[in-house]
C-alpha atoms as a PDB file:
ATOM      1  CA  UNK A   1      61.340  34.527 -91.215  1.00  0.00           C
ATOM      2  CA  UNK A   2      57.766  34.108 -90.104  1.00  0.00           C
ATOM      3  CA  UNK A   3      56.233  36.173 -87.380  1.00  0.00           C
ATOM      4  CA  UNK A   4      55.188  34.250 -84.336  1.00  0.00           C
ATOM      5  CA  UNK A   5      51.686  34.870 -83.136  1.00  0.00           C
ATOM      6  CA  UNK A   6      50.820  34.387 -79.532  1.00  0.00           C
ATOM      7  CA  UNK A   7      48.372  31.632 -78.771  1.00  0.00           C
ATOM      8  CA  UNK A   8      44.996  32.638 -77.355  1.00  0.00           C
ATOM      9  CA  UNK A   9      44.771  32.329 -73.588  1.00  0.00           C
ATOM     10  CA  UNK A  10      43.531  29.101 -72.136  1.00  0.00           C
ATOM     11  CA  UNK A  11      39.759  29.251 -71.520  1.00  0.00           C
ATOM     12  CA  UNK A  12      40.282  27.706 -68.092  1.00  0.00           C
ATOM     13  CA  UNK A  13      42.658  30.516 -67.065  1.00  0.00           C
ATOM     14  CA  UNK A  14      39.828  32.980 -66.448  1.00  0.00           C
ATOM     15  CA  UNK A  15      37.913  30.452 -64.359  1.00  0.00           C
ATOM     16  CA  UNK A  16      40.977  29.512 -62.323  1.00  0.00           C
ATOM     17  CA  UNK A  17      41.792  33.172 -61.729  1.00  0.00           C
ATOM     18  CA  UNK A  18      38.226  33.741 -60.542  1.00  0.00           C
ATOM     19  CA  UNK A  19      38.499  30.807 -58.152  1.00  0.00           C
ATOM     20  CA  UNK A  20      41.754  32.021 -56.639  1.00  0.00           C
ATOM     21  CA  UNK A  21      40.313  35.504 -56.114  1.00  0.00           C
ATOM     22  CA  UNK A  22      37.472  34.104 -53.999  1.00  0.00           C
ATOM     23  CA  UNK A  23      38.557  33.067 -50.487  1.00  0.00           C
ATOM     24  CA  UNK A  24      35.660  30.613 -50.098  1.00  0.00           C
ATOM     25  CA  UNK A  25      36.893  28.395 -52.947  1.00  0.00           C
ATOM     26  CA  UNK A  26      39.762  27.095 -50.820  1.00  0.00           C
ATOM     27  CA  UNK A  27      37.377  26.353 -47.968  1.00  0.00           C
ATOM     28  CA  UNK A  28      35.091  24.423 -50.299  1.00  0.00           C
ATOM     29  CA  UNK A  29      38.000  22.077 -51.064  1.00  0.00           C
ATOM     30  CA  UNK A  30      39.045  21.829 -47.440  1.00  0.00           C
ATOM     31  CA  UNK A  31      35.691  20.589 -46.124  1.00  0.00           C
ATOM     32  CA  UNK A  32      35.477  17.375 -48.228  1.00  0.00           C
ATOM     33  CA  UNK A  33      39.148  16.674 -47.518  1.00  0.00           C
ATOM     34  CA  UNK A  34      38.550  16.871 -43.779  1.00  0.00           C
ATOM     35  CA  UNK A  35      35.490  14.630 -44.086  1.00  0.00           C
ATOM     36  CA  UNK A  36      37.550  12.028 -45.982  1.00  0.00           C
ATOM     37  CA  UNK A  37      40.284  12.143 -43.330  1.00  0.00           C
ATOM     38  CA  UNK A  38      37.723  11.715 -40.534  1.00  0.00           C
ATOM     39  CA  UNK A  39      36.111   8.761 -42.332  1.00  0.00           C
ATOM     40  CA  UNK A  40      39.558   7.250 -42.957  1.00  0.00           C
ATOM     41  CA  UNK A  41      40.492   7.466 -39.288  1.00  0.00           C
ATOM     42  CA  UNK A  42      37.093   6.046 -38.294  1.00  0.00           C
ATOM     43  CA  UNK A  43      37.650   3.077 -40.634  1.00  0.00           C
ATOM     44  CA  UNK A  44      41.110   2.477 -39.166  1.00  0.00           C
ATOM     45  CA  UNK A  45      39.648   2.506 -35.652  1.00  0.00           C
ATOM     46  CA  UNK A  46      36.573   0.397 -36.456  1.00  0.00           C
ATOM     47  CA  UNK A  47      36.821  -1.409 -39.830  1.00  0.00           C
ATOM     48  CA  UNK A  48      33.167  -2.525 -39.699  1.00  0.00           C
ATOM     49  CA  UNK A  49      32.229   1.118 -40.406  1.00  0.00           C
ATOM     50  CA  UNK A  50      33.478   0.561 -43.960  1.00  0.00           C
ATOM     51  CA  UNK A  51      30.598  -1.793 -44.714  1.00  0.00           C
ATOM     52  CA  UNK A  52      28.082   0.795 -43.488  1.00  0.00           C
ATOM     53  CA  UNK A  53      29.720   3.593 -45.486  1.00  0.00           C
ATOM     54  CA  UNK A  54      29.763   1.527 -48.671  1.00  0.00           C
ATOM     55  CA  UNK A  55      26.148   0.468 -48.126  1.00  0.00           C
ATOM     56  CA  UNK A  56      25.013   4.044 -47.553  1.00  0.00           C
ATOM     57  CA  UNK A  57      26.975   5.271 -50.586  1.00  0.00           C
ATOM     58  CA  UNK A  58      25.411   2.612 -52.815  1.00  0.00           C
ATOM     59  CA  UNK A  59      21.909   3.459 -51.607  1.00  0.00           C
ATOM     60  CA  UNK A  60      22.450   7.188 -52.164  1.00  0.00           C
ATOM     61  CA  UNK A  61      23.908   6.594 -55.632  1.00  0.00           C
ATOM     62  CA  UNK A  62      21.039   4.273 -56.551  1.00  0.00           C
ATOM     63  CA  UNK A  63      18.430   6.823 -55.483  1.00  0.00           C
ATOM     64  CA  UNK A  64      20.300   9.554 -57.376  1.00  0.00           C
ATOM     65  CA  UNK A  65      20.341   7.451 -60.555  1.00  0.00           C
ATOM     66  CA  UNK A  66      16.622   6.717 -60.193  1.00  0.00           C
ATOM     67  CA  UNK A  67      15.887  10.430 -59.795  1.00  0.00           C
ATOM     68  CA  UNK A  68      18.102  11.251 -62.768  1.00  0.00           C
ATOM     69  CA  UNK A  69      16.247   8.685 -64.891  1.00  0.00           C
ATOM     70  CA  UNK A  70      12.916  10.175 -63.840  1.00  0.00           C
ATOM     71  CA  UNK A  71      14.146  13.667 -64.687  1.00  0.00           C
ATOM     72  CA  UNK A  72      15.473  12.556 -68.080  1.00  0.00           C
ATOM     73  CA  UNK A  73      12.152  10.872 -68.968  1.00  0.00           C
ATOM     74  CA  UNK A  74      10.261  14.045 -68.082  1.00  0.00           C
ATOM     75  CA  UNK A  75      12.761  16.154 -69.995  1.00  0.00           C
ATOM     76  CA  UNK A  76      12.407  13.926 -73.070  1.00  0.00           C
ATOM     77  CA  UNK A  77       8.587  14.166 -72.908  1.00  0.00           C
ATOM     78  CA  UNK A  78       8.732  17.958 -72.656  1.00  0.00           C
ATOM     79  CA  UNK A  79      11.260  18.150 -75.455  1.00  0.00           C
ATOM     80  CA  UNK A  80       9.145  16.004 -77.808  1.00  0.00           C
ATOM     81  CA  UNK A  81       5.974  17.892 -76.905  1.00  0.00           C
ATOM     82  CA  UNK A  82       7.484  21.247 -77.908  1.00  0.00           C
ATOM     83  CA  UNK A  83       8.774  19.914 -81.250  1.00  0.00           C
ATOM     84  CA  UNK A  84       5.514  18.272 -82.330  1.00  0.00           C
END
């Protein structure tokens, strides 16, 4: 019969173990969850808030994409300058 070899450990196992050893990692998940619950309750109480939240989210995402595009253009210029 053939000998069975054990599979190498999952690369994510070390990261997950590190996260569970740190008490702040649970808190970092709790904060966004509480914010979502608060926003959900606010929308149930006053549905017009949803339009404001969506509008703000779209503006923030648009600005973030513009900044990312600016960063990528600068990164590409620096990258080409070092290779020339």
